[in-house]
């Protein structure tokens, strides 16, 4: 409410109540249904936030965005800021966690993007590996590998989430020009949407791929511009296993 296009919405996730939590630049807003706002909470610092996740204890984590900082922020269940920690490089975008609760965060700084594995307790870097291209959203696959949304027509890559990195496959389509968000459903299908022309000023395409990367469905969403967040209601994900 009251936010301009450049201030949000962007990253989003379902909470333990099945409510949709959406991150704008200045605040988080919680929706119980379309157009029904439960409450909004001011963020610790105004900043674009492409991705947000809950851990298994209900804590919320945020990154920034392309051109953003090296800071990851942790909020408690009441959306109070409780921790901020830095990673070795900035432009942090994608964030997810494995079934053990360790965080994985993508940095766009440098050539190939770096993905950091971060300890869930003390937030030290446990491992890091690179992926080809510029990484956006991250999501674990049901087989323990990771989906990485990549800029510039590279689609969604399936990678081994440890060093040395290895690309195991990809989900691509000629109209998937600038993949940003990525998530999965309970059958392992891959959902993504594109930033279209790299500026977010053209209508977006939305795609669903089978687990092997073949196309299941797509549509040109003429009412959607510059999508960052994408979620699937009812999906049980390894990071914050909530089911609306």
C-alpha atoms as a PDB file:
ATOM      1  CA  UNK A   1       0.000   0.000   0.000  1.00  0.00           C
ATOM      2  CA  UNK A   2       1.303   3.416  -0.982  1.00  0.00           C
ATOM      3  CA  UNK A   3       4.461   2.019  -2.539  1.00  0.00           C
ATOM      4  CA  UNK A   4       5.681   2.984  -5.978  1.00  0.00           C
ATOM      5  CA  UNK A   5       6.773   0.509  -8.633  1.00  0.00           C
ATOM      6  CA  UNK A   6      10.467   0.854  -7.760  1.00  0.00           C
ATOM      7  CA  UNK A   7       9.773   0.236  -4.052  1.00  0.00           C
ATOM      8  CA  UNK A   8       8.068  -3.133  -4.381  1.00  0.00           C
ATOM      9  CA  UNK A   9       6.722  -5.684  -4.391  1.00  0.00           C
ATOM     10  CA  UNK A  10       9.598  -8.060  -5.089  1.00  0.00           C
ATOM     11  CA  UNK A  11      10.531 -11.160  -3.048  1.00  0.00           C
ATOM     12  CA  UNK A  12       7.744 -13.160  -1.453  1.00  0.00           C
ATOM     13  CA  UNK A  13       7.132 -16.348   0.526  1.00  0.00           C
ATOM     14  CA  UNK A  14       4.293 -18.080   2.386  1.00  0.00           C
ATOM     15  CA  UNK A  15       4.418 -18.079   6.185  1.00  0.00           C
ATOM     16  CA  UNK A  16       3.303 -20.816   8.602  1.00  0.00           C
ATOM     17  CA  UNK A  17      -0.275 -19.510   8.492  1.00  0.00           C
ATOM     18  CA  UNK A  18      -0.446 -19.755   4.723  1.00  0.00           C
ATOM     19  CA  UNK A  19      -0.321 -15.963   4.454  1.00  0.00           C
ATOM     20  CA  UNK A  20       1.738 -14.346   1.708  1.00  0.00           C
ATOM     21  CA  UNK A  21       4.648 -12.215   2.917  1.00  0.00           C
ATOM     22  CA  UNK A  22       5.833  -9.699   0.325  1.00  0.00           C
ATOM     23  CA  UNK A  23       8.975  -7.563   0.547  1.00  0.00           C
ATOM     24  CA  UNK A  24       8.922  -4.017  -0.708  1.00  0.00           C
ATOM     25  CA  UNK A  25      11.890  -1.676  -0.448  1.00  0.00           C
ATOM     26  CA  UNK A  26      10.704  -0.118   2.821  1.00  0.00           C
ATOM     27  CA  UNK A  27       8.515  -2.736   4.480  1.00  0.00           C
ATOM     28  CA  UNK A  28       7.161  -6.272   4.550  1.00  0.00           C
ATOM     29  CA  UNK A  29       3.420  -6.677   3.979  1.00  0.00           C
ATOM     30  CA  UNK A  30       1.444  -9.779   4.956  1.00  0.00           C
ATOM     31  CA  UNK A  31      -1.630 -10.761   2.896  1.00  0.00           C
ATOM     32  CA  UNK A  32      -4.280 -13.224   4.070  1.00  0.00           C
ATOM     33  CA  UNK A  33      -5.950 -13.172   0.616  1.00  0.00           C
ATOM     34  CA  UNK A  34      -5.702 -11.044  -2.540  1.00  0.00           C
ATOM     35  CA  UNK A  35      -5.998  -7.353  -1.564  1.00  0.00           C
ATOM     36  CA  UNK A  36      -6.429  -8.254   2.132  1.00  0.00           C
ATOM     37  CA  UNK A  37      -3.483  -6.869   4.104  1.00  0.00           C
ATOM     38  CA  UNK A  38      -3.042  -8.247   7.617  1.00  0.00           C
ATOM     39  CA  UNK A  39      -0.242  -5.879   8.530  1.00  0.00           C
ATOM     40  CA  UNK A  40       2.925  -4.202   7.236  1.00  0.00           C
ATOM     41  CA  UNK A  41       6.272  -4.020   9.056  1.00  0.00           C
ATOM     42  CA  UNK A  42       9.071  -1.499   8.493  1.00  0.00           C
ATOM     43  CA  UNK A  43      12.366  -3.047   7.380  1.00  0.00           C
ATOM     44  CA  UNK A  44      15.628  -2.400   9.213  1.00  0.00           C
ATOM     45  CA  UNK A  45      16.956  -0.470   6.221  1.00  0.00           C
ATOM     46  CA  UNK A  46      15.162   0.560   3.026  1.00  0.00           C
ATOM     47  CA  UNK A  47      16.628  -1.525   0.205  1.00  0.00           C
ATOM     48  CA  UNK A  48      15.403  -3.515  -2.788  1.00  0.00           C
ATOM     49  CA  UNK A  49      14.866  -7.143  -1.778  1.00  0.00           C
ATOM     50  CA  UNK A  50      14.552  -9.727  -4.547  1.00  0.00           C
ATOM     51  CA  UNK A  51      14.334 -12.814  -2.343  1.00  0.00           C
ATOM     52  CA  UNK A  52      13.092 -13.687   1.133  1.00  0.00           C
ATOM     53  CA  UNK A  53      12.943 -17.054   2.906  1.00  0.00           C
ATOM     54  CA  UNK A  54      11.840 -18.473   6.243  1.00  0.00           C
ATOM     55  CA  UNK A  55      13.993 -20.969   8.103  1.00  0.00           C
ATOM     56  CA  UNK A  56      12.464 -23.932   9.917  1.00  0.00           C
ATOM     57  CA  UNK A  57      12.094 -21.858  13.116  1.00  0.00           C
ATOM     58  CA  UNK A  58      10.171 -19.082  11.393  1.00  0.00           C
ATOM     59  CA  UNK A  59      13.002 -16.566  11.114  1.00  0.00           C
ATOM     60  CA  UNK A  60      13.028 -14.492   7.932  1.00  0.00           C
ATOM     61  CA  UNK A  61      16.131 -13.832   5.825  1.00  0.00           C
ATOM     62  CA  UNK A  62      16.581 -11.228   3.092  1.00  0.00           C
ATOM     63  CA  UNK A  63      19.201 -10.351   0.508  1.00  0.00           C
ATOM     64  CA  UNK A  64      19.320  -7.188  -1.578  1.00  0.00           C
ATOM     65  CA  UNK A  65      19.314  -7.243  -5.402  1.00  0.00           C
ATOM     66  CA  UNK A  66      21.392  -6.689  -8.516  1.00  0.00           C
ATOM     67  CA  UNK A  67      23.663  -3.781  -7.666  1.00  0.00           C
ATOM     68  CA  UNK A  68      22.999  -4.328  -3.971  1.00  0.00           C
ATOM     69  CA  UNK A  69      25.130  -4.911  -0.907  1.00  0.00           C
ATOM     70  CA  UNK A  70      27.017  -7.794   0.735  1.00  0.00           C
ATOM     71  CA  UNK A  71      24.590  -7.850   3.684  1.00  0.00           C
ATOM     72  CA  UNK A  72      22.150 -10.624   4.621  1.00  0.00           C
ATOM     73  CA  UNK A  73      19.540  -9.670   7.220  1.00  0.00           C
ATOM     74  CA  UNK A  74      17.749 -11.936   9.674  1.00  0.00           C
ATOM     75  CA  UNK A  75      14.368 -11.040  11.205  1.00  0.00           C
ATOM     76  CA  UNK A  76      12.440 -12.913  13.880  1.00  0.00           C
ATOM     77  CA  UNK A  77       8.804 -14.057  13.691  1.00  0.00           C
ATOM     78  CA  UNK A  78       7.642 -10.570  14.643  1.00  0.00           C
ATOM     79  CA  UNK A  79       9.636  -9.036  11.773  1.00  0.00           C
ATOM     80  CA  UNK A  80      12.125  -7.509  14.204  1.00  0.00           C
ATOM     81  CA  UNK A  81      15.681  -7.213  12.873  1.00  0.00           C
ATOM     82  CA  UNK A  82      17.940  -9.458  14.973  1.00  0.00           C
ATOM     83  CA  UNK A  83      21.092  -9.934  12.876  1.00  0.00           C
ATOM     84  CA  UNK A  84      22.943  -8.595   9.860  1.00  0.00           C
ATOM     85  CA  UNK A  85      26.053 -10.277   8.495  1.00  0.00           C
ATOM     86  CA  UNK A  86      28.319  -9.753   5.497  1.00  0.00           C
ATOM     87  CA  UNK A  87      29.576 -12.130   2.849  1.00  0.00           C
ATOM     88  CA  UNK A  88      32.891 -11.752   0.987  1.00  0.00           C
ATOM     89  CA  UNK A  89      31.289 -10.177  -2.090  1.00  0.00           C
ATOM     90  CA  UNK A  90      28.177  -8.129  -2.781  1.00  0.00           C
ATOM     91  CA  UNK A  91      25.254  -7.791  -5.199  1.00  0.00           C
ATOM     92  CA  UNK A  92      23.484 -10.507  -3.216  1.00  0.00           C
ATOM     93  CA  UNK A  93      20.364 -11.842  -4.937  1.00  0.00           C
ATOM     94  CA  UNK A  94      19.218 -15.447  -4.577  1.00  0.00           C
ATOM     95  CA  UNK A  95      18.908 -17.087  -1.169  1.00  0.00           C
ATOM     96  CA  UNK A  96      17.665 -20.510  -0.104  1.00  0.00           C
ATOM     97  CA  UNK A  97      18.616 -23.193   2.408  1.00  0.00           C
ATOM     98  CA  UNK A  98      19.158 -26.933   2.409  1.00  0.00           C
ATOM     99  CA  UNK A  99      17.140 -29.436   4.485  1.00  0.00           C
ATOM    100  CA  UNK A 100      19.666 -28.996   7.309  1.00  0.00           C
ATOM    101  CA  UNK A 101      18.970 -25.260   7.421  1.00  0.00           C
ATOM    102  CA  UNK A 102      22.285 -24.000   6.061  1.00  0.00           C
ATOM    103  CA  UNK A 103      21.907 -20.911   3.873  1.00  0.00           C
ATOM    104  CA  UNK A 104      22.956 -20.582   0.232  1.00  0.00           C
ATOM    105  CA  UNK A 105      23.361 -17.049  -1.100  1.00  0.00           C
ATOM    106  CA  UNK A 106      24.204 -15.905  -4.641  1.00  0.00           C
ATOM    107  CA  UNK A 107      26.555 -12.985  -5.314  1.00  0.00           C
ATOM    108  CA  UNK A 108      26.658 -11.341  -8.737  1.00  0.00           C
ATOM    109  CA  UNK A 109      30.014  -9.644  -8.102  1.00  0.00           C
ATOM    110  CA  UNK A 110      32.750 -10.641 -10.548  1.00  0.00           C
ATOM    111  CA  UNK A 111      32.480 -12.857 -13.630  1.00  0.00           C
ATOM    112  CA  UNK A 112      30.722 -16.172 -12.938  1.00  0.00           C
ATOM    113  CA  UNK A 113      28.442 -15.702  -9.952  1.00  0.00           C
ATOM    114  CA  UNK A 114      29.558 -17.110  -6.605  1.00  0.00           C
ATOM    115  CA  UNK A 115      27.175 -19.049  -4.383  1.00  0.00           C
ATOM    116  CA  UNK A 116      28.108 -19.175  -0.709  1.00  0.00           C
ATOM    117  CA  UNK A 117      27.102 -21.946   1.677  1.00  0.00           C
ATOM    118  CA  UNK A 118      26.654 -20.323   5.098  1.00  0.00           C
ATOM    119  CA  UNK A 119      26.412 -22.026   8.492  1.00  0.00           C
ATOM    120  CA  UNK A 120      22.937 -21.673  10.003  1.00  0.00           C
ATOM    121  CA  UNK A 121      24.263 -20.945  13.509  1.00  0.00           C
ATOM    122  CA  UNK A 122      27.278 -18.637  13.262  1.00  0.00           C
ATOM    123  CA  UNK A 123      26.877 -17.578   9.588  1.00  0.00           C
ATOM    124  CA  UNK A 124      30.442 -18.479   8.637  1.00  0.00           C
ATOM    125  CA  UNK A 125      31.112 -19.494   5.026  1.00  0.00           C
ATOM    126  CA  UNK A 126      31.330 -23.290   4.828  1.00  0.00           C
ATOM    127  CA  UNK A 127      31.831 -23.596   1.069  1.00  0.00           C
ATOM    128  CA  UNK A 128      31.569 -21.588  -2.129  1.00  0.00           C
ATOM    129  CA  UNK A 129      31.237 -22.441  -5.791  1.00  0.00           C
ATOM    130  CA  UNK A 130      30.663 -20.626  -9.064  1.00  0.00           C
ATOM    131  CA  UNK A 131      27.929 -20.986 -11.667  1.00  0.00           C
ATOM    132  CA  UNK A 132      28.116 -19.900 -15.307  1.00  0.00           C
ATOM    133  CA  UNK A 133      26.601 -16.506 -15.963  1.00  0.00           C
ATOM    134  CA  UNK A 134      24.831 -14.170 -13.555  1.00  0.00           C
ATOM    135  CA  UNK A 135      22.764 -15.874 -10.840  1.00  0.00           C
ATOM    136  CA  UNK A 136      19.363 -14.695  -9.677  1.00  0.00           C
ATOM    137  CA  UNK A 137      16.938 -16.946  -7.739  1.00  0.00           C
ATOM    138  CA  UNK A 138      18.002 -20.197  -6.026  1.00  0.00           C
ATOM    139  CA  UNK A 139      15.966 -23.252  -5.041  1.00  0.00           C
ATOM    140  CA  UNK A 140      16.903 -26.783  -4.043  1.00  0.00           C
ATOM    141  CA  UNK A 141      15.626 -29.670  -6.159  1.00  0.00           C
ATOM    142  CA  UNK A 142      14.135 -32.791  -4.603  1.00  0.00           C
ATOM    143  CA  UNK A 143      17.282 -34.768  -5.493  1.00  0.00           C
ATOM    144  CA  UNK A 144      19.527 -32.460  -3.440  1.00  0.00           C
ATOM    145  CA  UNK A 145      20.869 -30.501  -6.381  1.00  0.00           C
ATOM    146  CA  UNK A 146      20.114 -26.808  -6.873  1.00  0.00           C
ATOM    147  CA  UNK A 147      18.191 -24.810  -9.467  1.00  0.00           C
ATOM    148  CA  UNK A 148      19.788 -21.470 -10.339  1.00  0.00           C
ATOM    149  CA  UNK A 149      17.969 -18.854 -12.434  1.00  0.00           C
ATOM    150  CA  UNK A 150      20.432 -17.170 -14.795  1.00  0.00           C
ATOM    151  CA  UNK A 151      20.336 -13.918 -16.721  1.00  0.00           C
ATOM    152  CA  UNK A 152      20.697 -13.458 -20.493  1.00  0.00           C
ATOM    153  CA  UNK A 153      18.798 -16.386 -22.012  1.00  0.00           C
ATOM    154  CA  UNK A 154      20.658 -19.029 -19.975  1.00  0.00           C
ATOM    155  CA  UNK A 155      17.452 -20.298 -18.368  1.00  0.00           C
ATOM    156  CA  UNK A 156      17.451 -22.283 -15.132  1.00  0.00           C
ATOM    157  CA  UNK A 157      20.518 -24.441 -14.499  1.00  0.00           C
ATOM    158  CA  UNK A 158      20.567 -27.540 -12.301  1.00  0.00           C
ATOM    159  CA  UNK A 159      23.895 -27.562 -10.485  1.00  0.00           C
ATOM    160  CA  UNK A 160      25.711 -29.639  -7.894  1.00  0.00           C
ATOM    161  CA  UNK A 161      25.649 -27.328  -4.848  1.00  0.00           C
ATOM    162  CA  UNK A 162      29.262 -27.738  -3.733  1.00  0.00           C
ATOM    163  CA  UNK A 163      32.781 -27.073  -4.941  1.00  0.00           C
ATOM    164  CA  UNK A 164      33.904 -27.810  -7.543  1.00  0.00           C
ATOM    165  CA  UNK A 165      30.683 -26.804  -9.248  1.00  0.00           C
ATOM    166  CA  UNK A 166      29.095 -28.877 -11.996  1.00  0.00           C
ATOM    167  CA  UNK A 167      26.164 -28.047 -14.270  1.00  0.00           C
ATOM    168  CA  UNK A 168      23.975 -31.154 -14.529  1.00  0.00           C
ATOM    169  CA  UNK A 169      21.292 -29.825 -16.879  1.00  0.00           C
ATOM    170  CA  UNK A 170      19.100 -26.843 -17.674  1.00  0.00           C
ATOM    171  CA  UNK A 171      15.574 -25.695 -18.433  1.00  0.00           C
ATOM    172  CA  UNK A 172      15.513 -23.256 -21.357  1.00  0.00           C
ATOM    173  CA  UNK A 173      13.108 -21.730 -23.854  1.00  0.00           C
ATOM    174  CA  UNK A 174      13.681 -19.170 -26.654  1.00  0.00           C
ATOM    175  CA  UNK A 175      11.277 -16.767 -24.930  1.00  0.00           C
ATOM    176  CA  UNK A 176      12.906 -17.122 -21.507  1.00  0.00           C
ATOM    177  CA  UNK A 177      15.166 -14.119 -21.894  1.00  0.00           C
ATOM    178  CA  UNK A 178      16.058 -13.102 -18.362  1.00  0.00           C
ATOM    179  CA  UNK A 179      15.112 -15.658 -15.681  1.00  0.00           C
ATOM    180  CA  UNK A 180      14.928 -14.117 -12.201  1.00  0.00           C
ATOM    181  CA  UNK A 181      12.702 -16.031  -9.726  1.00  0.00           C
ATOM    182  CA  UNK A 182      12.682 -19.816  -9.456  1.00  0.00           C
ATOM    183  CA  UNK A 183      10.740 -22.240  -7.281  1.00  0.00           C
ATOM    184  CA  UNK A 184       9.338 -25.767  -7.421  1.00  0.00           C
ATOM    185  CA  UNK A 185       6.127 -27.621  -6.596  1.00  0.00           C
ATOM    186  CA  UNK A 186       5.653 -30.939  -4.805  1.00  0.00           C
ATOM    187  CA  UNK A 187       6.089 -32.871  -8.063  1.00  0.00           C
ATOM    188  CA  UNK A 188       9.466 -31.254  -8.697  1.00  0.00           C
ATOM    189  CA  UNK A 189       8.291 -29.030 -11.549  1.00  0.00           C
ATOM    190  CA  UNK A 190      10.274 -25.823 -12.023  1.00  0.00           C
ATOM    191  CA  UNK A 191       8.561 -22.426 -12.097  1.00  0.00           C
ATOM    192  CA  UNK A 192      10.234 -19.250 -13.333  1.00  0.00           C
ATOM    193  CA  UNK A 193       9.464 -15.923 -14.964  1.00  0.00           C
ATOM    194  CA  UNK A 194      11.559 -13.530 -16.993  1.00  0.00           C
ATOM    195  CA  UNK A 195      12.529  -9.907 -16.680  1.00  0.00           C
ATOM    196  CA  UNK A 196      11.928  -9.940 -20.452  1.00  0.00           C
ATOM    197  CA  UNK A 197      14.043  -7.133 -21.897  1.00  0.00           C
ATOM    198  CA  UNK A 198      16.441  -6.806 -18.962  1.00  0.00           C
ATOM    199  CA  UNK A 199      14.758  -3.579 -17.888  1.00  0.00           C
ATOM    200  CA  UNK A 200      11.428  -4.885 -16.649  1.00  0.00           C
ATOM    201  CA  UNK A 201       9.500  -2.644 -19.025  1.00  0.00           C
ATOM    202  CA  UNK A 202       8.103  -5.376 -21.291  1.00  0.00           C
ATOM    203  CA  UNK A 203       5.455  -7.998 -20.379  1.00  0.00           C
ATOM    204  CA  UNK A 204       6.919 -11.086 -18.736  1.00  0.00           C
ATOM    205  CA  UNK A 205       6.735 -14.735 -19.729  1.00  0.00           C
ATOM    206  CA  UNK A 206       5.923 -17.324 -17.059  1.00  0.00           C
ATOM    207  CA  UNK A 207       7.208 -20.881 -17.509  1.00  0.00           C
ATOM    208  CA  UNK A 208       6.709 -24.289 -15.924  1.00  0.00           C
ATOM    209  CA  UNK A 209       9.234 -27.016 -16.730  1.00  0.00           C
ATOM    210  CA  UNK A 210       9.168 -30.705 -15.891  1.00  0.00           C
ATOM    211  CA  UNK A 211      11.932 -31.906 -13.530  1.00  0.00           C
ATOM    212  CA  UNK A 212      13.990 -33.020 -16.555  1.00  0.00           C
ATOM    213  CA  UNK A 213      13.854 -29.513 -18.051  1.00  0.00           C
ATOM    214  CA  UNK A 214      11.237 -30.098 -20.741  1.00  0.00           C
ATOM    215  CA  UNK A 215       8.539 -27.446 -21.087  1.00  0.00           C
ATOM    216  CA  UNK A 216       5.233 -28.162 -19.338  1.00  0.00           C
ATOM    217  CA  UNK A 217       3.429 -24.833 -19.767  1.00  0.00           C
ATOM    218  CA  UNK A 218       4.018 -21.165 -20.486  1.00  0.00           C
ATOM    219  CA  UNK A 219       2.168 -17.937 -21.058  1.00  0.00           C
ATOM    220  CA  UNK A 220       2.943 -14.345 -21.901  1.00  0.00           C
ATOM    221  CA  UNK A 221       1.579 -12.465 -18.893  1.00  0.00           C
ATOM    222  CA  UNK A 222       0.683  -9.092 -20.379  1.00  0.00           C
ATOM    223  CA  UNK A 223      -0.204  -7.697 -16.934  1.00  0.00           C
ATOM    224  CA  UNK A 224       3.104  -8.698 -15.304  1.00  0.00           C
ATOM    225  CA  UNK A 225       6.220  -6.531 -15.589  1.00  0.00           C
ATOM    226  CA  UNK A 226       9.624  -7.054 -14.013  1.00  0.00           C
ATOM    227  CA  UNK A 227       8.784 -10.097 -11.871  1.00  0.00           C
ATOM    228  CA  UNK A 228      11.061 -11.011  -8.970  1.00  0.00           C
ATOM    229  CA  UNK A 229       9.038 -13.216  -6.617  1.00  0.00           C
ATOM    230  CA  UNK A 230       7.265 -16.417  -7.574  1.00  0.00           C
ATOM    231  CA  UNK A 231       5.699 -18.919  -5.161  1.00  0.00           C
ATOM    232  CA  UNK A 232       3.500 -22.008  -5.497  1.00  0.00           C
ATOM    233  CA  UNK A 233       0.717 -22.422  -2.946  1.00  0.00           C
ATOM    234  CA  UNK A 234       0.890 -25.769  -1.147  1.00  0.00           C
ATOM    235  CA  UNK A 235       4.509 -26.460  -2.076  1.00  0.00           C
ATOM    236  CA  UNK A 236       6.658 -27.938   0.698  1.00  0.00           C
ATOM    237  CA  UNK A 237      10.192 -26.602   0.251  1.00  0.00           C
ATOM    238  CA  UNK A 238      13.312 -27.595   2.192  1.00  0.00           C
ATOM    239  CA  UNK A 239      13.815 -24.045   3.453  1.00  0.00           C
ATOM    240  CA  UNK A 240      11.022 -23.221   5.862  1.00  0.00           C
ATOM    241  CA  UNK A 241       8.814 -26.263   5.340  1.00  0.00           C
ATOM    242  CA  UNK A 242       5.475 -24.461   5.524  1.00  0.00           C
ATOM    243  CA  UNK A 243       2.445 -25.689   3.628  1.00  0.00           C
ATOM    244  CA  UNK A 244      -0.410 -23.190   3.131  1.00  0.00           C
END
